[in-house]
Amino acid sequence: MIRVLLADDQNLVRAGLRMLCAAAPDLEVVAEADNGAEAVRLAEQVLPDVILMDLRMPGVDGITATARVLAARPSVRVVVLTTFDDDDHLYPALAAGACGFLVKDAAPEDLLDGVRRAAAGDSPFSPDVLRRLVASAVHSRSAPTYPARPDFGLTPRETEVLALVGEGMSNGEIAERLHLGVTTVKTHIASLMTKTGAPNRVRLAVLAVQSGVSA
């Protein structure tokens, strides 16, 4: 069972997520928090595998809560639940250690899949959120810039995987497109991060976009 902690100040959102997880045979909601401080306390108490974290909560917000949770328990996977007016908070949440971003109005199966992917060590990103993160990074003065076709010593297959990461594809989608196993895709992405120095999937996507890598 995947142990899930829900952190959102809206009762209706938590109720919907609770019902959604309850219908999945492999997910169990072990606690709920309506503010960031409570999320930090409960994370230490109930030891969840995945936290679905809202960004905007009273008192301690989701970004601060994410950083505090991960400082104490780095193995916890924090997936941010975002809306379209949260763009200014996306990069701070990523810097705090969030492993993925899902939109609140995502299809139920996509939310469940995101929780499972996070628990398995993947980084679930709703495609539109990843595109917004990449667009923000590309136009940010503080973001790293990459020359066209930089020489990182990538294999042809790694280049293909990098291009698809840049398109916002998940590991499963990349595996299907390239007729590979998901584990193989994860291995390629780990190698890409090592060779390029990119610390996360967003930076890989930024690299792909800025350097013009295409499948």
N, C-alpha and C. Protein backbone atom coordinates (compact mmCIF):
# COMPACT_ATOMS: atom_id res chain seq x y z
N MET A 1 0.83 -1.20 0.00
CA MET A 1 0.00 0.00 0.00
C MET A 1 0.87 1.26 0.00
N ILE A 2 0.45 2.24 -0.77
CA ILE A 2 1.12 3.54 -0.80
C ILE A 2 0.43 4.44 0.22
N ARG A 3 1.19 4.90 1.20
CA ARG A 3 0.65 5.73 2.28
C ARG A 3 0.67 7.19 1.84
N VAL A 4 -0.51 7.81 1.84
CA VAL A 4 -0.66 9.16 1.31
C VAL A 4 -1.12 10.13 2.40
N LEU A 5 -0.47 11.28 2.45
CA LEU A 5 -0.90 12.36 3.33
C LEU A 5 -1.45 13.48 2.46
N LEU A 6 -2.64 13.97 2.77
CA LEU A 6 -3.26 15.06 2.02
C LEU A 6 -3.07 16.36 2.78
N ALA A 7 -2.56 17.40 2.11
CA ALA A 7 -2.37 18.70 2.74
C ALA A 7 -3.00 19.77 1.87
N ASP A 8 -4.17 20.24 2.30
CA ASP A 8 -4.90 21.27 1.56
C ASP A 8 -5.86 21.94 2.52
N ASP A 9 -5.99 23.26 2.45
CA ASP A 9 -6.85 23.96 3.40
C ASP A 9 -8.32 23.94 3.00
N GLN A 10 -8.63 23.40 1.82
CA GLN A 10 -10.02 23.34 1.39
C GLN A 10 -10.61 21.96 1.69
N ASN A 11 -11.63 21.94 2.52
CA ASN A 11 -12.24 20.66 2.92
C ASN A 11 -12.76 19.87 1.73
N LEU A 12 -13.34 20.58 0.77
CA LEU A 12 -13.91 19.90 -0.39
C LEU A 12 -12.83 19.22 -1.23
N VAL A 13 -11.70 19.89 -1.38
CA VAL A 13 -10.59 19.30 -2.15
C VAL A 13 -10.09 18.05 -1.44
N ARG A 14 -9.89 18.14 -0.14
CA ARG A 14 -9.40 16.97 0.60
C ARG A 14 -10.41 15.83 0.54
N ALA A 15 -11.68 16.14 0.63
CA ALA A 15 -12.71 15.10 0.58
C ALA A 15 -12.68 14.39 -0.78
N GLY A 16 -12.52 15.17 -1.83
CA GLY A 16 -12.47 14.57 -3.17
C GLY A 16 -11.26 13.69 -3.34
N LEU A 17 -10.12 14.16 -2.86
CA LEU A 17 -8.90 13.36 -2.95
C LEU A 17 -8.99 12.10 -2.09
N ARG A 18 -9.60 12.24 -0.92
CA ARG A 18 -9.76 11.08 -0.03
C ARG A 18 -10.61 10.01 -0.70
N MET A 19 -11.71 10.42 -1.30
CA MET A 19 -12.60 9.46 -1.97
C MET A 19 -11.89 8.82 -3.16
N LEU A 20 -11.10 9.61 -3.88
CA LEU A 20 -10.39 9.10 -5.04
C LEU A 20 -9.38 8.04 -4.62
N CYS A 21 -8.62 8.34 -3.58
CA CYS A 21 -7.61 7.38 -3.10
C CYS A 21 -8.27 6.14 -2.50
N ALA A 22 -9.41 6.33 -1.83
CA ALA A 22 -10.10 5.20 -1.19
C ALA A 22 -10.58 4.18 -2.22
N ALA A 23 -10.84 4.66 -3.43
CA ALA A 23 -11.32 3.76 -4.49
C ALA A 23 -10.18 2.98 -5.14
N ALA A 24 -8.94 3.34 -4.83
CA ALA A 24 -7.78 2.66 -5.41
C ALA A 24 -7.30 1.59 -4.42
N PRO A 25 -7.13 0.37 -4.87
CA PRO A 25 -6.77 -0.72 -3.97
C PRO A 25 -5.36 -0.62 -3.40
N ASP A 26 -4.50 0.19 -4.02
CA ASP A 26 -3.11 0.26 -3.58
C ASP A 26 -2.75 1.57 -2.89
N LEU A 27 -3.75 2.42 -2.62
CA LEU A 27 -3.51 3.70 -1.96
C LEU A 27 -4.28 3.77 -0.64
N GLU A 28 -3.65 4.37 0.36
CA GLU A 28 -4.30 4.55 1.65
C GLU A 28 -4.00 5.95 2.17
N VAL A 29 -5.04 6.74 2.44
CA VAL A 29 -4.87 8.05 3.05
C VAL A 29 -4.66 7.85 4.54
N VAL A 30 -3.48 8.19 5.03
CA VAL A 30 -3.15 7.94 6.43
C VAL A 30 -3.33 9.17 7.31
N ALA A 31 -3.45 10.36 6.69
CA ALA A 31 -3.66 11.58 7.48
C ALA A 31 -4.03 12.72 6.55
N GLU A 32 -4.63 13.76 7.14
CA GLU A 32 -4.99 14.96 6.40
C GLU A 32 -4.61 16.18 7.21
N ALA A 33 -4.14 17.21 6.49
CA ALA A 33 -3.75 18.47 7.14
C ALA A 33 -4.39 19.63 6.40
N ASP A 34 -4.80 20.65 7.15
CA ASP A 34 -5.40 21.83 6.51
C ASP A 34 -4.46 23.03 6.55
N ASN A 35 -3.21 22.82 6.96
CA ASN A 35 -2.21 23.88 6.92
C ASN A 35 -0.82 23.25 6.89
N GLY A 36 0.17 24.06 6.56
CA GLY A 36 1.50 23.53 6.40
C GLY A 36 2.14 23.01 7.67
N ALA A 37 1.91 23.70 8.77
CA ALA A 37 2.50 23.26 10.04
C ALA A 37 1.97 21.88 10.42
N GLU A 38 0.68 21.67 10.21
CA GLU A 38 0.08 20.38 10.51
C GLU A 38 0.63 19.30 9.57
N ALA A 39 0.87 19.66 8.32
CA ALA A 39 1.44 18.70 7.38
C ALA A 39 2.82 18.24 7.83
N VAL A 40 3.63 19.17 8.32
CA VAL A 40 4.97 18.83 8.80
C VAL A 40 4.88 17.91 10.01
N ARG A 41 3.98 18.24 10.94
CA ARG A 41 3.85 17.43 12.14
C ARG A 41 3.35 16.02 11.81
N LEU A 42 2.36 15.94 10.93
CA LEU A 42 1.79 14.63 10.59
C LEU A 42 2.77 13.79 9.78
N ALA A 43 3.57 14.43 8.94
CA ALA A 43 4.55 13.68 8.15
C ALA A 43 5.52 12.95 9.07
N GLU A 44 5.87 13.56 10.17
CA GLU A 44 6.77 12.92 11.14
C GLU A 44 6.06 11.83 11.92
N GLN A 45 4.76 12.02 12.10
CA GLN A 45 3.99 11.09 12.94
C GLN A 45 3.54 9.84 12.18
N VAL A 46 3.03 10.02 10.97
CA VAL A 46 2.42 8.87 10.25
C VAL A 46 3.32 8.28 9.17
N LEU A 47 4.44 8.95 8.85
CA LEU A 47 5.42 8.43 7.90
C LEU A 47 4.80 8.07 6.54
N PRO A 48 4.28 9.06 5.82
CA PRO A 48 3.68 8.77 4.50
C PRO A 48 4.74 8.49 3.46
N ASP A 49 4.34 7.81 2.40
CA ASP A 49 5.21 7.62 1.25
C ASP A 49 5.14 8.84 0.32
N VAL A 50 3.93 9.37 0.17
CA VAL A 50 3.68 10.49 -0.74
C VAL A 50 2.82 11.53 -0.02
N ILE A 51 3.16 12.79 -0.21
CA ILE A 51 2.32 13.89 0.29
C ILE A 51 1.79 14.66 -0.91
N LEU A 52 0.48 14.82 -0.98
CA LEU A 52 -0.12 15.72 -1.97
C LEU A 52 -0.25 17.07 -1.30
N MET A 53 0.54 18.03 -1.74
CA MET A 53 0.73 19.30 -1.03
C MET A 53 0.17 20.49 -1.81
N ASP A 54 -0.79 21.18 -1.20
CA ASP A 54 -1.26 22.44 -1.76
C ASP A 54 -0.22 23.51 -1.50
N LEU A 55 -0.10 24.49 -2.38
CA LEU A 55 0.89 25.54 -2.19
C LEU A 55 0.40 26.65 -1.27
N ARG A 56 -0.87 26.98 -1.40
CA ARG A 56 -1.39 28.13 -0.65
C ARG A 56 -2.22 27.65 0.54
N MET A 57 -1.61 27.72 1.71
CA MET A 57 -2.30 27.35 2.94
C MET A 57 -2.00 28.40 3.99
N PRO A 58 -2.90 28.59 4.96
CA PRO A 58 -2.68 29.61 5.99
C PRO A 58 -1.49 29.26 6.88
N GLY A 59 -0.85 30.30 7.42
CA GLY A 59 0.29 30.07 8.29
C GLY A 59 1.49 29.61 7.49
N VAL A 60 1.91 28.41 7.73
CA VAL A 60 3.02 27.82 6.97
C VAL A 60 2.51 27.36 5.61
N ASP A 61 3.06 27.92 4.54
CA ASP A 61 2.57 27.56 3.21
C ASP A 61 3.17 26.24 2.74
N GLY A 62 2.71 25.80 1.57
CA GLY A 62 3.15 24.50 1.06
C GLY A 62 4.62 24.45 0.71
N ILE A 63 5.20 25.55 0.28
CA ILE A 63 6.62 25.57 -0.07
C ILE A 63 7.47 25.37 1.18
N THR A 64 7.17 26.14 2.22
CA THR A 64 7.90 26.01 3.48
C THR A 64 7.70 24.64 4.09
N ALA A 65 6.46 24.15 4.04
CA ALA A 65 6.16 22.83 4.59
C ALA A 65 6.94 21.75 3.85
N THR A 66 7.03 21.86 2.54
CA THR A 66 7.78 20.88 1.75
C THR A 66 9.24 20.85 2.18
N ALA A 67 9.84 22.02 2.31
CA ALA A 67 11.25 22.09 2.71
C ALA A 67 11.45 21.48 4.09
N ARG A 68 10.53 21.75 5.03
CA ARG A 68 10.68 21.23 6.39
C ARG A 68 10.49 19.72 6.44
N VAL A 69 9.51 19.23 5.70
CA VAL A 69 9.28 17.79 5.67
C VAL A 69 10.50 17.06 5.13
N LEU A 70 11.04 17.56 4.02
CA LEU A 70 12.15 16.87 3.37
C LEU A 70 13.46 17.03 4.13
N ALA A 71 13.58 18.09 4.90
CA ALA A 71 14.77 18.25 5.73
C ALA A 71 14.82 17.15 6.80
N ALA A 72 13.63 16.77 7.28
CA ALA A 72 13.56 15.73 8.32
C ALA A 72 13.50 14.34 7.74
N ARG A 73 12.80 14.20 6.59
CA ARG A 73 12.62 12.88 5.98
C ARG A 73 12.79 12.99 4.47
N PRO A 74 14.03 12.94 4.00
CA PRO A 74 14.29 13.12 2.56
C PRO A 74 13.65 12.07 1.66
N SER A 75 13.28 10.93 2.21
CA SER A 75 12.70 9.88 1.38
C SER A 75 11.24 10.11 1.02
N VAL A 76 10.59 11.04 1.71
CA VAL A 76 9.18 11.33 1.41
C VAL A 76 9.08 12.00 0.04
N ARG A 77 8.09 11.61 -0.72
CA ARG A 77 7.88 12.19 -2.06
C ARG A 77 6.75 13.21 -1.98
N VAL A 78 7.07 14.47 -2.25
CA VAL A 78 6.07 15.54 -2.17
C VAL A 78 5.64 15.93 -3.58
N VAL A 79 4.36 15.77 -3.85
CA VAL A 79 3.78 16.16 -5.13
C VAL A 79 2.91 17.38 -4.91
N VAL A 80 3.22 18.45 -5.60
CA VAL A 80 2.48 19.70 -5.44
C VAL A 80 1.20 19.67 -6.26
N LEU A 81 0.11 20.11 -5.64
CA LEU A 81 -1.15 20.30 -6.35
C LEU A 81 -1.26 21.79 -6.67
N THR A 82 -1.36 22.12 -7.94
CA THR A 82 -1.28 23.51 -8.35
C THR A 82 -2.48 23.92 -9.20
N THR A 83 -2.65 25.22 -9.33
CA THR A 83 -3.67 25.80 -10.20
C THR A 83 -2.97 26.71 -11.20
N PHE A 84 -3.71 27.26 -12.13
CA PHE A 84 -3.08 28.05 -13.18
C PHE A 84 -2.62 29.43 -12.72
N ASP A 85 -2.95 29.83 -11.50
CA ASP A 85 -2.47 31.12 -11.02
C ASP A 85 -1.35 30.95 -9.99
N ASP A 86 -0.73 29.77 -9.97
CA ASP A 86 0.35 29.49 -9.03
C ASP A 86 1.74 29.60 -9.65
N ASP A 87 1.85 30.17 -10.85
CA ASP A 87 3.13 30.13 -11.57
C ASP A 87 4.30 30.68 -10.75
N ASP A 88 4.06 31.75 -9.99
CA ASP A 88 5.15 32.35 -9.23
C ASP A 88 5.66 31.44 -8.13
N HIS A 89 4.87 30.42 -7.79
CA HIS A 89 5.26 29.53 -6.69
C HIS A 89 5.86 28.21 -7.17
N LEU A 90 5.83 27.98 -8.47
CA LEU A 90 6.27 26.67 -8.97
C LEU A 90 7.76 26.44 -8.77
N TYR A 91 8.58 27.41 -9.16
CA TYR A 91 10.02 27.21 -9.02
C TYR A 91 10.46 27.16 -7.56
N PRO A 92 9.92 28.02 -6.68
CA PRO A 92 10.27 27.88 -5.26
C PRO A 92 9.89 26.51 -4.70
N ALA A 93 8.77 25.96 -5.15
CA ALA A 93 8.37 24.63 -4.68
C ALA A 93 9.34 23.57 -5.19
N LEU A 94 9.79 23.73 -6.44
CA LEU A 94 10.78 22.80 -6.99
C LEU A 94 12.08 22.89 -6.21
N ALA A 95 12.50 24.12 -5.91
CA ALA A 95 13.73 24.32 -5.15
C ALA A 95 13.61 23.74 -3.74
N ALA A 96 12.39 23.73 -3.20
CA ALA A 96 12.18 23.17 -1.85
C ALA A 96 12.25 21.66 -1.84
N GLY A 97 12.19 21.04 -3.03
CA GLY A 97 12.35 19.60 -3.10
C GLY A 97 11.16 18.83 -3.63
N ALA A 98 10.11 19.53 -4.07
CA ALA A 98 8.96 18.81 -4.63
C ALA A 98 9.40 17.96 -5.81
N CYS A 99 8.87 16.74 -5.88
CA CYS A 99 9.29 15.82 -6.95
C CYS A 99 8.37 15.87 -8.16
N GLY A 100 7.22 16.54 -8.03
CA GLY A 100 6.29 16.58 -9.15
C GLY A 100 5.22 17.62 -8.94
N PHE A 101 4.51 17.93 -10.01
CA PHE A 101 3.46 18.95 -9.98
C PHE A 101 2.27 18.44 -10.77
N LEU A 102 1.11 18.43 -10.15
CA LEU A 102 -0.12 18.02 -10.81
C LEU A 102 -1.16 19.11 -10.65
N VAL A 103 -1.94 19.35 -11.70
CA VAL A 103 -3.00 20.36 -11.60
C VAL A 103 -4.19 19.77 -10.86
N LYS A 104 -4.86 20.61 -10.09
CA LYS A 104 -5.96 20.14 -9.26
C LYS A 104 -7.13 19.61 -10.07
N ASP A 105 -7.30 20.11 -11.28
CA ASP A 105 -8.42 19.65 -12.09
C ASP A 105 -8.02 18.55 -13.06
N ALA A 106 -6.91 17.87 -12.76
CA ALA A 106 -6.48 16.76 -13.61
C ALA A 106 -7.51 15.64 -13.55
N ALA A 107 -7.52 14.80 -14.56
CA ALA A 107 -8.41 13.64 -14.57
C ALA A 107 -8.07 12.74 -13.39
N PRO A 108 -9.08 12.12 -12.77
CA PRO A 108 -8.81 11.27 -11.60
C PRO A 108 -7.73 10.23 -11.85
N GLU A 109 -7.75 9.59 -13.01
CA GLU A 109 -6.75 8.55 -13.28
C GLU A 109 -5.35 9.15 -13.37
N ASP A 110 -5.25 10.42 -13.81
CA ASP A 110 -3.94 11.06 -13.89
C ASP A 110 -3.41 11.38 -12.50
N LEU A 111 -4.29 11.79 -11.60
CA LEU A 111 -3.87 12.06 -10.23
C LEU A 111 -3.39 10.78 -9.54
N LEU A 112 -4.15 9.71 -9.70
CA LEU A 112 -3.76 8.44 -9.10
C LEU A 112 -2.43 7.95 -9.70
N ASP A 113 -2.32 8.08 -11.01
CA ASP A 113 -1.08 7.66 -11.66
C ASP A 113 0.09 8.49 -11.16
N GLY A 114 -0.14 9.78 -10.92
CA GLY A 114 0.91 10.64 -10.41
C GLY A 114 1.39 10.21 -9.04
N VAL A 115 0.46 9.82 -8.18
CA VAL A 115 0.83 9.34 -6.84
C VAL A 115 1.67 8.07 -6.96
N ARG A 116 1.23 7.17 -7.81
CA ARG A 116 1.96 5.90 -7.98
C ARG A 116 3.36 6.15 -8.56
N ARG A 117 3.45 7.04 -9.52
CA ARG A 117 4.75 7.33 -10.12
C ARG A 117 5.69 7.97 -9.11
N ALA A 118 5.16 8.86 -8.29
CA ALA A 118 5.99 9.48 -7.26
C ALA A 118 6.50 8.44 -6.28
N ALA A 119 5.62 7.54 -5.85
CA ALA A 119 6.01 6.50 -4.91
C ALA A 119 7.07 5.58 -5.49
N ALA A 120 7.04 5.42 -6.82
CA ALA A 120 8.00 4.54 -7.50
C ALA A 120 9.31 5.25 -7.83
N GLY A 121 9.42 6.53 -7.45
CA GLY A 121 10.65 7.26 -7.69
C GLY A 121 10.65 8.12 -8.93
N ASP A 122 9.53 8.17 -9.64
CA ASP A 122 9.42 8.98 -10.85
C ASP A 122 9.04 10.41 -10.44
N SER A 123 9.03 11.30 -11.40
CA SER A 123 8.66 12.70 -11.16
C SER A 123 7.43 13.04 -12.00
N PRO A 124 6.24 12.96 -11.40
CA PRO A 124 5.03 13.22 -12.18
C PRO A 124 4.79 14.71 -12.41
N PHE A 125 4.67 15.08 -13.66
CA PHE A 125 4.37 16.47 -14.02
C PHE A 125 3.19 16.48 -14.97
N SER A 126 2.16 17.25 -14.65
CA SER A 126 1.13 17.50 -15.66
C SER A 126 1.82 18.22 -16.81
N PRO A 127 1.59 17.79 -18.06
CA PRO A 127 2.32 18.38 -19.20
C PRO A 127 2.25 19.90 -19.26
N ASP A 128 1.08 20.48 -18.95
CA ASP A 128 0.98 21.94 -19.02
C ASP A 128 1.81 22.61 -17.94
N VAL A 129 1.92 21.98 -16.76
CA VAL A 129 2.75 22.54 -15.70
C VAL A 129 4.22 22.50 -16.11
N LEU A 130 4.66 21.39 -16.67
CA LEU A 130 6.04 21.29 -17.11
C LEU A 130 6.34 22.34 -18.17
N ARG A 131 5.40 22.55 -19.09
CA ARG A 131 5.62 23.57 -20.12
C ARG A 131 5.74 24.96 -19.50
N ARG A 132 4.92 25.24 -18.48
CA ARG A 132 4.99 26.54 -17.81
C ARG A 132 6.31 26.71 -17.08
N LEU A 133 6.77 25.64 -16.43
CA LEU A 133 8.05 25.69 -15.73
C LEU A 133 9.20 25.92 -16.71
N VAL A 134 9.16 25.21 -17.82
CA VAL A 134 10.21 25.35 -18.82
C VAL A 134 10.19 26.74 -19.43
N ALA A 135 9.00 27.23 -19.77
CA ALA A 135 8.89 28.57 -20.36
C ALA A 135 9.41 29.62 -19.39
N SER A 136 9.09 29.45 -18.11
CA SER A 136 9.57 30.39 -17.10
C SER A 136 11.08 30.35 -17.00
N ALA A 137 11.64 29.14 -17.03
CA ALA A 137 13.09 29.00 -16.92
C ALA A 137 13.80 29.56 -18.13
N VAL A 138 13.25 29.30 -19.31
CA VAL A 138 13.89 29.77 -20.54
C VAL A 138 13.98 31.29 -20.56
N HIS A 139 12.99 31.97 -19.99
CA HIS A 139 12.97 33.44 -20.02
C HIS A 139 13.51 34.06 -18.74
N SER A 140 13.98 33.24 -17.83
CA SER A 140 14.51 33.76 -16.57
C SER A 140 15.97 34.16 -16.72
N ARG A 141 16.33 35.29 -16.16
CA ARG A 141 17.72 35.73 -16.22
C ARG A 141 18.64 34.83 -15.40
N SER A 142 18.08 34.20 -14.38
CA SER A 142 18.90 33.38 -13.50
C SER A 142 19.04 31.93 -13.98
N ALA A 143 18.27 31.58 -15.01
CA ALA A 143 18.31 30.21 -15.51
C ALA A 143 19.57 29.97 -16.32
N PRO A 144 20.12 28.77 -16.28
CA PRO A 144 21.29 28.47 -17.10
C PRO A 144 20.90 28.46 -18.57
N THR A 145 21.84 28.80 -19.43
CA THR A 145 21.58 28.75 -20.87
C THR A 145 22.49 27.70 -21.49
N TYR A 146 21.98 27.09 -22.54
CA TYR A 146 22.74 26.01 -23.18
C TYR A 146 22.91 26.33 -24.66
N PRO A 147 24.09 26.06 -25.20
CA PRO A 147 24.30 26.28 -26.64
C PRO A 147 23.54 25.25 -27.46
N ALA A 148 23.39 25.53 -28.73
CA ALA A 148 22.73 24.57 -29.62
C ALA A 148 23.55 23.28 -29.68
N ARG A 149 22.86 22.17 -29.48
CA ARG A 149 23.49 20.85 -29.54
C ARG A 149 24.77 20.78 -28.69
N PRO A 150 24.68 21.02 -27.39
CA PRO A 150 25.88 20.95 -26.55
C PRO A 150 26.43 19.52 -26.53
N ASP A 151 27.74 19.42 -26.38
CA ASP A 151 28.38 18.11 -26.41
C ASP A 151 28.53 17.57 -24.99
N PHE A 152 27.56 16.75 -24.59
CA PHE A 152 27.62 16.10 -23.29
C PHE A 152 28.01 14.63 -23.42
N GLY A 153 28.35 14.22 -24.64
CA GLY A 153 28.71 12.83 -24.84
C GLY A 153 27.52 11.89 -24.75
N LEU A 154 26.34 12.38 -25.18
CA LEU A 154 25.13 11.57 -25.10
C LEU A 154 25.11 10.53 -26.21
N THR A 155 24.54 9.39 -25.90
CA THR A 155 24.31 8.38 -26.93
C THR A 155 23.09 8.79 -27.76
N PRO A 156 22.93 8.23 -28.95
CA PRO A 156 21.74 8.55 -29.75
C PRO A 156 20.45 8.27 -28.98
N ARG A 157 20.38 7.20 -28.22
CA ARG A 157 19.17 6.89 -27.46
C ARG A 157 18.94 7.91 -26.36
N GLU A 158 20.01 8.33 -25.68
CA GLU A 158 19.86 9.36 -24.64
C GLU A 158 19.37 10.67 -25.24
N THR A 159 19.83 10.98 -26.43
CA THR A 159 19.37 12.20 -27.10
C THR A 159 17.88 12.11 -27.40
N GLU A 160 17.42 10.94 -27.83
CA GLU A 160 16.00 10.75 -28.08
C GLU A 160 15.19 10.92 -26.80
N VAL A 161 15.67 10.34 -25.71
CA VAL A 161 14.97 10.44 -24.43
C VAL A 161 14.94 11.90 -23.97
N LEU A 162 16.06 12.60 -24.10
CA LEU A 162 16.12 14.00 -23.71
C LEU A 162 15.10 14.83 -24.48
N ALA A 163 15.00 14.60 -25.77
CA ALA A 163 14.05 15.35 -26.59
C ALA A 163 12.62 15.13 -26.12
N LEU A 164 12.28 13.91 -25.75
CA LEU A 164 10.92 13.60 -25.31
C LEU A 164 10.65 14.16 -23.92
N VAL A 165 11.68 14.22 -23.07
CA VAL A 165 11.54 14.91 -21.79
C VAL A 165 11.20 16.37 -22.04
N GLY A 166 11.85 16.95 -23.03
CA GLY A 166 11.58 18.35 -23.39
C GLY A 166 10.17 18.58 -23.89
N GLU A 167 9.54 17.52 -24.39
CA GLU A 167 8.15 17.63 -24.84
C GLU A 167 7.16 17.41 -23.71
N GLY A 168 7.68 17.15 -22.51
CA GLY A 168 6.81 16.98 -21.35
C GLY A 168 6.30 15.58 -21.15
N MET A 169 6.90 14.60 -21.83
CA MET A 169 6.42 13.23 -21.70
C MET A 169 6.86 12.59 -20.38
N SER A 170 6.02 11.72 -19.85
CA SER A 170 6.35 10.94 -18.66
C SER A 170 7.25 9.78 -19.04
N ASN A 171 7.80 9.10 -18.04
CA ASN A 171 8.63 7.93 -18.33
C ASN A 171 7.85 6.87 -19.09
N GLY A 172 6.60 6.66 -18.68
CA GLY A 172 5.77 5.67 -19.36
C GLY A 172 5.51 6.03 -20.80
N GLU A 173 5.26 7.31 -21.07
CA GLU A 173 5.01 7.75 -22.44
C GLU A 173 6.27 7.62 -23.30
N ILE A 174 7.42 7.94 -22.70
CA ILE A 174 8.68 7.80 -23.43
C ILE A 174 8.93 6.33 -23.75
N ALA A 175 8.68 5.48 -22.75
CA ALA A 175 8.88 4.04 -22.96
C ALA A 175 8.02 3.53 -24.11
N GLU A 176 6.77 3.99 -24.15
CA GLU A 176 5.86 3.55 -25.20
C GLU A 176 6.31 4.08 -26.56
N ARG A 177 6.72 5.34 -26.61
CA ARG A 177 7.14 5.93 -27.89
C ARG A 177 8.39 5.23 -28.44
N LEU A 178 9.33 4.90 -27.55
CA LEU A 178 10.60 4.33 -28.00
C LEU A 178 10.65 2.81 -27.91
N HIS A 179 9.54 2.22 -27.49
CA HIS A 179 9.45 0.76 -27.36
C HIS A 179 10.52 0.22 -26.40
N LEU A 180 10.58 0.87 -25.23
CA LEU A 180 11.52 0.50 -24.19
C LEU A 180 10.75 0.16 -22.91
N GLY A 181 11.42 -0.46 -21.97
CA GLY A 181 10.85 -0.67 -20.65
C GLY A 181 10.97 0.61 -19.83
N VAL A 182 10.06 0.81 -18.89
CA VAL A 182 10.11 2.02 -18.06
C VAL A 182 11.41 2.07 -17.26
N THR A 183 11.86 0.92 -16.77
CA THR A 183 13.12 0.88 -16.02
C THR A 183 14.29 1.34 -16.88
N THR A 184 14.27 0.97 -18.15
CA THR A 184 15.32 1.41 -19.06
C THR A 184 15.28 2.92 -19.26
N VAL A 185 14.07 3.47 -19.36
CA VAL A 185 13.94 4.92 -19.50
C VAL A 185 14.48 5.62 -18.26
N LYS A 186 14.17 5.09 -17.08
CA LYS A 186 14.68 5.68 -15.84
C LYS A 186 16.21 5.66 -15.83
N THR A 187 16.79 4.58 -16.33
CA THR A 187 18.24 4.48 -16.38
C THR A 187 18.82 5.54 -17.31
N HIS A 188 18.17 5.74 -18.46
CA HIS A 188 18.64 6.78 -19.40
C HIS A 188 18.53 8.17 -18.77
N ILE A 189 17.45 8.43 -18.06
CA ILE A 189 17.27 9.75 -17.46
C ILE A 189 18.30 9.98 -16.36
N ALA A 190 18.59 8.96 -15.57
CA ALA A 190 19.63 9.08 -14.54
C ALA A 190 20.97 9.38 -15.19
N SER A 191 21.25 8.71 -16.32
CA SER A 191 22.49 8.97 -17.04
C SER A 191 22.53 10.39 -17.60
N LEU A 192 21.38 10.85 -18.10
CA LEU A 192 21.29 12.22 -18.62
C LEU A 192 21.59 13.25 -17.54
N MET A 193 21.04 13.04 -16.36
CA MET A 193 21.28 13.97 -15.25
C MET A 193 22.76 13.97 -14.86
N THR A 194 23.37 12.79 -14.86
CA THR A 194 24.79 12.70 -14.52
C THR A 194 25.65 13.41 -15.55
N LYS A 195 25.39 13.15 -16.84
CA LYS A 195 26.21 13.72 -17.91
C LYS A 195 26.02 15.22 -18.07
N THR A 196 24.79 15.71 -17.88
CA THR A 196 24.51 17.13 -18.11
C THR A 196 24.62 17.97 -16.85
N GLY A 197 24.56 17.32 -15.70
CA GLY A 197 24.57 18.07 -14.45
C GLY A 197 23.21 18.63 -14.07
N ALA A 198 22.18 18.28 -14.85
CA ALA A 198 20.83 18.75 -14.54
C ALA A 198 20.33 18.06 -13.27
N PRO A 199 19.87 18.83 -12.27
CA PRO A 199 19.48 18.22 -11.00
C PRO A 199 18.09 17.61 -11.00
N ASN A 200 17.29 17.91 -12.00
CA ASN A 200 15.91 17.40 -12.01
C ASN A 200 15.37 17.39 -13.43
N ARG A 201 14.16 16.89 -13.56
CA ARG A 201 13.53 16.72 -14.87
C ARG A 201 13.27 18.06 -15.55
N VAL A 202 12.95 19.08 -14.78
CA VAL A 202 12.68 20.39 -15.36
C VAL A 202 13.92 20.93 -16.05
N ARG A 203 15.07 20.81 -15.38
CA ARG A 203 16.30 21.30 -15.98
C ARG A 203 16.65 20.52 -17.26
N LEU A 204 16.36 19.23 -17.25
CA LEU A 204 16.57 18.45 -18.47
C LEU A 204 15.69 18.98 -19.60
N ALA A 205 14.44 19.29 -19.27
CA ALA A 205 13.53 19.81 -20.29
C ALA A 205 13.98 21.16 -20.79
N VAL A 206 14.47 22.01 -19.88
CA VAL A 206 15.00 23.32 -20.28
C VAL A 206 16.18 23.14 -21.22
N LEU A 207 17.06 22.22 -20.90
CA LEU A 207 18.22 21.94 -21.74
C LEU A 207 17.77 21.52 -23.15
N ALA A 208 16.78 20.62 -23.19
CA ALA A 208 16.29 20.14 -24.48
C ALA A 208 15.72 21.28 -25.31
N VAL A 209 14.95 22.15 -24.67
CA VAL A 209 14.32 23.27 -25.40
C VAL A 209 15.36 24.27 -25.86
N GLN A 210 16.25 24.68 -24.94
CA GLN A 210 17.22 25.73 -25.29
C GLN A 210 18.24 25.26 -26.32
N SER A 211 18.62 23.99 -26.27
CA SER A 211 19.66 23.50 -27.19
C SER A 211 19.09 22.97 -28.49
N GLY A 212 17.75 22.96 -28.60
CA GLY A 212 17.14 22.55 -29.85
C GLY A 212 17.20 21.06 -30.12
N VAL A 213 17.31 20.26 -29.06
CA VAL A 213 17.34 18.81 -29.24
C VAL A 213 15.95 18.33 -29.67
N SER A 214 15.88 17.51 -30.67
CA SER A 214 14.60 16.98 -31.12
C SER A 214 14.72 15.48 -31.37
N ALA A 215 13.56 14.81 -31.24
CA ALA A 215 13.56 13.35 -31.42
C ALA A 215 13.67 13.00 -32.89
